[in-house]
Amino acid sequence: MDKRLTEEISVNMAERYDCTECKKTLYGQKYILKEDNPYCVECYEDLFSSCCEVCQKLIGCTSKDLSYKDQHWHSECFLCIKCSRSLVDRPFATKDDKPMCIECYSNEYSSKCHACLKTIMPGSKKMEHKGNSWHENCFSCNRCQQPIGTRSFIQKDTNNYCLPCYEKQFAMQCVHCKKPITTGGVNYRDQPWHKECFVCIGCKQQLAGQRFTSRDDFAYCLDCFCNLFAKKCASCTTSISGLGGSKYISFEQRQWHNDCFNCKRCCVSLVGRGFLTSKDDILCPDCVKDI
């Protein structure tokens, strides 16, 4: 802060022009106006001047007052606390409210670029990922060397790749659509698929995470497989999948669900028991006697 001293040049001799604080006449003296009130130099410095943070001496009206966050310095005291270089008219940073030149602050506290290992200067754009920092231009694709910026990227073996380069160099191709698989792939019979490409050959439902089976190298959901290939129960006529260890009864080219293999007349279960046939019906030995 540069305070101007005002020297009274002409005062009407009929009027008094006194210091607002000590009431001494200011005629022929240097004085300072503050909010239109005149003060002699001594009173102004006692009332309004600050003490220097370094030397603790008053910053007089004839000295330049440098201030930052309610702190004040003489211009000759405003120095870097590390290298003692003057910070007047120079950019600076603070640590624990102590001023430092940008070079010293950077060497002590700024991040180092993970690529070039040089200091990332305060105020410059910094890219960060998983605890590491880069200069904006150093944060580049390991293959094409172009800055990644805010684009999506993939990290592999500590190297960063933009998506197009990663796909060209590392990504597997879906056996169905022949496009790269970057996330969410499915492996079936040692072949890679996109999740959205691995579908039932019949109803096109996605099979990832679902129970399915195959026939002639084609994948089917259970419903489609049963509708297309499974045998029909001779009793309820619905499909018998035989998948997942489910049990069924087979006799003379006919099949039954375990729960459906019952006597036609008394409905007793015939699983594990003797039975007889009468035309298309199966009967327990007791019911056969009544025929």
Protein backbone atom coordinates (compact mmCIF):
# COMPACT_ATOMS: atom_id res chain seq x y z
CA MET A 1 0.00 0.00 0.00
CA ASP A 2 1.50 3.38 -1.01
CA LYS A 3 0.25 6.18 1.24
CA ARG A 4 0.38 9.73 -0.01
CA LEU A 5 1.55 12.49 2.24
CA THR A 6 -0.19 15.77 1.76
CA GLU A 7 1.55 19.02 2.55
CA GLU A 8 -0.60 22.00 3.43
CA ILE A 9 0.37 24.76 1.01
CA SER A 10 -2.11 27.49 1.86
CA VAL A 11 -4.39 27.77 4.88
CA ASN A 12 -6.72 30.63 5.63
CA MET A 13 -5.08 32.31 8.57
CA ALA A 14 -8.48 32.95 10.04
CA GLU A 15 -9.17 29.21 10.31
CA ARG A 16 -7.46 26.57 12.35
CA TYR A 17 -6.48 23.30 10.62
CA ASP A 18 -5.58 20.78 13.34
CA CYS A 19 -4.77 17.04 13.62
CA THR A 20 -7.97 15.11 14.30
CA GLU A 21 -6.22 13.11 17.06
CA CYS A 22 -3.73 15.38 18.90
CA LYS A 23 -5.28 18.71 17.86
CA LYS A 24 -1.90 20.20 16.96
CA THR A 25 -1.95 22.63 14.12
CA LEU A 26 -1.10 21.23 10.72
CA TYR A 27 -0.22 24.60 9.24
CA GLY A 28 3.00 24.20 7.28
CA GLN A 29 3.20 20.50 8.26
CA LYS A 30 2.84 17.26 6.35
CA TYR A 31 -0.40 15.48 7.09
CA ILE A 32 -2.55 12.58 5.89
CA LEU A 33 -6.23 12.55 5.09
CA LYS A 34 -8.23 9.48 6.12
CA GLU A 35 -11.95 9.54 5.42
CA ASP A 36 -11.65 13.31 5.00
CA ASN A 37 -10.10 13.67 8.46
CA PRO A 38 -6.56 15.14 8.65
CA TYR A 39 -3.89 13.51 10.83
CA CYS A 40 -0.33 14.46 11.57
CA VAL A 41 2.19 11.82 10.50
CA GLU A 42 2.89 10.68 14.08
CA CYS A 43 -0.76 10.17 14.98
CA TYR A 44 -1.58 8.47 11.70
CA GLU A 45 1.25 5.94 12.12
CA ASP A 46 0.24 5.25 15.74
CA LEU A 47 -3.39 4.71 14.80
CA PHE A 48 -3.34 3.05 11.40
CA SER A 49 0.08 1.76 10.33
CA SER A 50 0.89 -1.98 10.52
CA CYS A 51 3.91 -3.82 11.89
CA CYS A 52 6.12 -5.81 9.53
CA GLU A 53 5.79 -9.61 9.84
CA VAL A 54 9.56 -10.02 9.59
CA CYS A 55 11.25 -7.18 11.50
CA GLN A 56 8.24 -6.32 13.68
CA LYS A 57 8.89 -2.62 13.12
CA LEU A 58 6.25 -0.12 12.16
CA ILE A 59 5.71 0.33 8.43
CA GLY A 60 5.87 4.11 8.25
CA CYS A 61 4.03 6.40 5.89
CA THR A 62 7.13 6.85 3.76
CA SER A 63 7.55 3.06 3.30
CA LYS A 64 5.68 0.80 0.91
CA ASP A 65 3.31 -1.55 2.76
CA LEU A 66 2.97 -4.96 1.08
CA SER A 67 -0.02 -6.92 2.41
CA TYR A 68 -1.41 -10.42 1.94
CA LYS A 69 -4.17 -12.04 4.00
CA ASP A 70 -3.97 -9.49 6.83
CA GLN A 71 -0.19 -9.75 6.92
CA HIS A 72 2.11 -6.81 6.18
CA TRP A 73 5.75 -6.42 5.16
CA HIS A 74 8.23 -3.70 4.35
CA SER A 75 9.16 -4.09 0.68
CA GLU A 76 12.75 -4.89 1.71
CA CYS A 77 11.47 -7.56 4.16
CA PHE A 78 9.17 -9.32 1.70
CA LEU A 79 11.56 -12.21 0.93
CA CYS A 80 11.31 -15.94 0.20
CA ILE A 81 11.81 -17.80 3.48
CA LYS A 82 13.94 -20.41 1.70
CA CYS A 83 16.27 -18.54 -0.66
CA SER A 84 15.77 -14.95 0.64
CA ARG A 85 15.05 -13.67 -2.86
CA SER A 86 12.88 -10.54 -3.00
CA LEU A 87 9.23 -11.29 -3.81
CA VAL A 88 8.34 -7.72 -4.75
CA ASP A 89 6.54 -7.79 -8.12
CA ARG A 90 7.12 -11.55 -8.37
CA PRO A 91 4.61 -14.43 -8.15
CA PHE A 92 4.79 -16.27 -4.83
CA ALA A 93 3.08 -19.02 -2.82
CA THR A 94 2.67 -19.51 0.92
CA LYS A 95 3.21 -22.43 3.27
CA ASP A 96 1.87 -22.03 6.80
CA ASP A 97 1.33 -18.34 5.89
CA LYS A 98 5.04 -17.92 5.09
CA PRO A 99 5.87 -16.53 1.62
CA MET A 100 8.01 -18.54 -0.78
CA CYS A 101 9.10 -17.95 -4.36
CA ILE A 102 7.45 -20.27 -6.87
CA GLU A 103 10.70 -22.17 -7.53
CA CYS A 104 11.32 -22.98 -3.85
CA TYR A 105 7.68 -23.86 -3.22
CA SER A 106 7.64 -26.19 -6.21
CA ASN A 107 10.86 -27.95 -5.19
CA GLU A 108 9.57 -28.47 -1.65
CA TYR A 109 5.88 -29.24 -2.06
CA SER A 110 4.69 -29.57 -5.66
CA SER A 111 3.96 -32.95 -7.28
CA LYS A 112 6.46 -34.53 -9.66
CA CYS A 113 5.31 -35.66 -13.09
CA HIS A 114 5.10 -39.47 -13.30
CA ALA A 115 6.41 -39.34 -16.88
CA CYS A 116 9.18 -36.72 -17.05
CA LEU A 117 9.85 -36.62 -13.27
CA LYS A 118 9.96 -32.79 -13.35
CA THR A 119 8.06 -30.55 -10.95
CA ILE A 120 4.47 -29.67 -11.83
CA MET A 121 4.50 -25.93 -11.20
CA PRO A 122 1.69 -24.34 -9.15
CA GLY A 123 -1.03 -22.94 -11.38
CA SER A 124 -0.29 -25.31 -14.26
CA LYS A 125 -2.83 -27.97 -15.25
CA LYS A 126 -2.24 -31.31 -13.58
CA MET A 127 -3.67 -34.72 -14.47
CA GLU A 128 -4.07 -37.29 -11.67
CA HIS A 129 -4.89 -41.00 -11.64
CA LYS A 130 -4.47 -43.58 -8.86
CA GLY A 131 -2.15 -41.40 -6.80
CA ASN A 132 0.12 -40.36 -9.69
CA SER A 133 0.36 -36.93 -11.33
CA TRP A 134 1.32 -35.78 -14.83
CA HIS A 135 1.83 -32.56 -16.74
CA GLU A 136 -1.10 -32.18 -19.13
CA ASN A 137 1.13 -32.84 -22.16
CA CYS A 138 2.91 -35.75 -20.46
CA PHE A 139 -0.34 -37.57 -19.78
CA SER A 140 -0.35 -39.18 -23.20
CA CYS A 141 -1.13 -42.48 -24.92
CA ASN A 142 1.85 -44.86 -24.82
CA ARG A 143 1.13 -45.94 -28.42
CA CYS A 144 0.19 -42.80 -30.40
CA GLN A 145 1.85 -40.32 -28.00
CA GLN A 146 -1.14 -37.97 -28.20
CA PRO A 147 -2.25 -36.22 -24.95
CA ILE A 148 -5.20 -38.06 -23.43
CA GLY A 149 -6.70 -35.03 -21.67
CA THR A 150 -10.22 -35.79 -20.47
CA ARG A 151 -10.81 -38.66 -22.93
CA SER A 152 -11.42 -42.21 -21.72
CA PHE A 153 -8.33 -44.36 -21.39
CA ILE A 154 -7.18 -47.77 -20.14
CA GLN A 155 -4.11 -48.44 -18.01
CA LYS A 156 -2.08 -51.58 -18.73
CA ASP A 157 1.27 -52.48 -17.14
CA THR A 158 1.59 -48.90 -15.75
CA ASN A 159 1.17 -47.45 -19.26
CA ASN A 160 -1.84 -45.42 -20.38
CA TYR A 161 -3.59 -45.98 -23.70
CA CYS A 162 -6.40 -44.10 -25.43
CA LEU A 163 -9.28 -46.43 -26.25
CA PRO A 164 -8.61 -46.69 -30.03
CA CYS A 165 -4.95 -47.61 -29.46
CA TYR A 166 -5.78 -50.08 -26.69
CA GLU A 167 -8.32 -51.81 -28.90
CA LYS A 168 -5.87 -52.06 -31.77
CA GLN A 169 -3.03 -53.39 -29.64
CA PHE A 170 -4.60 -55.50 -26.91
CA ALA A 171 -8.35 -56.01 -27.12
CA MET A 172 -9.75 -59.37 -28.25
CA GLN A 173 -12.27 -59.41 -31.06
CA CYS A 174 -15.76 -60.76 -30.58
CA VAL A 175 -16.17 -64.00 -32.55
CA HIS A 176 -19.65 -62.87 -33.60
CA CYS A 177 -19.36 -59.17 -34.61
CA LYS A 178 -15.55 -59.06 -35.04
CA LYS A 179 -15.36 -55.80 -33.03
CA PRO A 180 -12.95 -55.26 -30.07
CA ILE A 181 -14.06 -56.28 -26.59
CA THR A 182 -13.01 -53.63 -24.04
CA THR A 183 -15.32 -54.52 -21.12
CA GLY A 184 -17.94 -57.10 -20.26
CA GLY A 185 -16.72 -59.96 -22.42
CA VAL A 186 -17.84 -63.61 -22.24
CA ASN A 187 -15.66 -66.62 -22.96
CA TYR A 188 -17.42 -69.65 -24.40
CA ARG A 189 -15.54 -72.67 -25.75
CA ASP A 190 -12.32 -70.64 -25.65
CA GLN A 191 -13.79 -67.95 -27.87
CA PRO A 192 -14.47 -64.31 -26.82
CA TRP A 193 -17.90 -62.70 -27.15
CA HIS A 194 -19.49 -59.38 -26.23
CA LYS A 195 -22.20 -59.96 -23.63
CA GLU A 196 -24.74 -58.47 -26.01
CA CYS A 197 -23.58 -60.78 -28.82
CA PHE A 198 -23.75 -64.00 -26.81
CA VAL A 199 -27.47 -64.75 -27.26
CA CYS A 200 -29.80 -67.69 -27.71
CA ILE A 201 -29.91 -68.75 -31.35
CA GLY A 202 -33.69 -69.10 -31.05
CA CYS A 203 -35.16 -66.15 -29.07
CA LYS A 204 -32.05 -63.88 -29.08
CA GLN A 205 -32.13 -63.49 -25.29
CA GLN A 206 -28.71 -62.66 -23.76
CA LEU A 207 -27.23 -65.77 -22.15
CA ALA A 208 -24.50 -64.18 -19.99
CA GLY A 209 -25.24 -65.12 -16.39
CA GLN A 210 -28.12 -67.42 -17.41
CA ARG A 211 -28.39 -71.21 -17.63
CA PHE A 212 -28.10 -72.42 -21.21
CA THR A 213 -27.11 -75.44 -23.26
CA SER A 214 -25.86 -76.06 -26.79
CA ARG A 215 -26.56 -78.28 -29.76
CA ASP A 216 -24.55 -78.46 -32.98
CA ASP A 217 -22.29 -75.63 -31.67
CA PHE A 218 -25.27 -73.28 -31.22
CA ALA A 219 -26.21 -71.92 -27.79
CA TYR A 220 -29.84 -72.08 -26.60
CA CYS A 221 -31.66 -70.83 -23.55
CA LEU A 222 -33.38 -73.68 -21.69
CA ASP A 223 -36.84 -72.74 -22.89
CA CYS A 224 -35.89 -72.73 -26.56
CA PHE A 225 -33.86 -75.93 -26.23
CA CYS A 226 -36.74 -77.74 -24.58
CA ASN A 227 -39.29 -76.49 -27.09
CA LEU A 228 -37.11 -77.49 -30.02
CA PHE A 229 -35.44 -80.71 -28.94
CA ALA A 230 -36.71 -82.09 -25.64
CA LYS A 231 -38.99 -85.14 -25.46
CA LYS A 232 -42.60 -84.60 -24.35
CA CYS A 233 -44.07 -86.22 -21.27
CA ALA A 234 -46.63 -88.89 -22.21
CA SER A 235 -48.86 -87.70 -19.37
CA CYS A 236 -48.77 -83.87 -19.26
CA THR A 237 -47.32 -83.40 -22.80
CA THR A 238 -44.90 -80.69 -21.64
CA SER A 239 -41.17 -80.87 -22.38
CA ILE A 240 -38.79 -83.05 -20.39
CA SER A 241 -35.50 -81.16 -20.38
CA GLY A 242 -33.38 -83.75 -18.62
CA LEU A 243 -31.00 -80.84 -17.80
CA GLY A 244 -29.42 -80.12 -14.46
CA GLY A 245 -29.73 -83.73 -13.31
CA SER A 246 -33.53 -83.80 -13.43
CA LYS A 247 -34.85 -87.39 -13.58
CA TYR A 248 -37.47 -88.89 -15.88
CA ILE A 249 -38.86 -92.33 -16.75
CA SER A 250 -38.47 -93.86 -20.22
CA PHE A 251 -40.37 -96.96 -21.43
CA GLU A 252 -41.00 -98.23 -24.95
CA GLN A 253 -40.33 -94.93 -26.75
CA ARG A 254 -42.34 -92.98 -24.21
CA GLN A 255 -41.12 -90.70 -21.42
CA TRP A 256 -42.66 -89.26 -18.25
CA HIS A 257 -41.66 -86.72 -15.65
CA ASN A 258 -41.05 -88.48 -12.36
CA ASP A 259 -44.04 -86.65 -10.90
CA CYS A 260 -46.22 -87.69 -13.84
CA PHE A 261 -45.38 -91.42 -13.76
CA ASN A 262 -48.51 -92.43 -11.86
CA CYS A 263 -51.22 -95.11 -12.14
CA LYS A 264 -53.93 -93.93 -14.53
CA ARG A 265 -56.71 -95.09 -12.22
CA CYS A 266 -55.60 -94.55 -8.60
CA CYS A 267 -52.84 -91.98 -9.31
CA VAL A 268 -50.31 -93.71 -7.05
CA SER A 269 -46.68 -93.05 -8.03
CA LEU A 270 -45.13 -95.91 -9.97
CA VAL A 271 -41.55 -94.67 -9.70
CA GLY A 272 -39.46 -97.61 -8.50
CA ARG A 273 -42.47 -99.94 -8.53
CA GLY A 274 -43.80 -102.59 -10.89
CA PHE A 275 -46.47 -101.53 -13.37
CA LEU A 276 -48.44 -102.85 -16.31
CA THR A 277 -49.73 -101.18 -19.46
CA SER A 278 -53.20 -101.17 -20.89
CA LYS A 279 -53.11 -99.64 -24.35
CA ASP A 280 -51.63 -96.14 -23.71
CA ASP A 281 -52.20 -96.22 -19.94
CA ILE A 282 -49.91 -97.39 -17.16
CA LEU A 283 -51.49 -99.08 -14.15
CA CYS A 284 -50.36 -100.35 -10.79
CA PRO A 285 -50.73 -104.13 -10.20
CA ASP A 286 -53.72 -103.58 -7.84
CA CYS A 287 -55.73 -101.65 -10.44
CA VAL A 288 -54.94 -104.23 -13.11
CA LYS A 289 -56.75 -106.85 -10.99
CA ASP A 290 -59.96 -104.85 -11.18
CA ILE A 291 -60.01 -104.71 -14.96
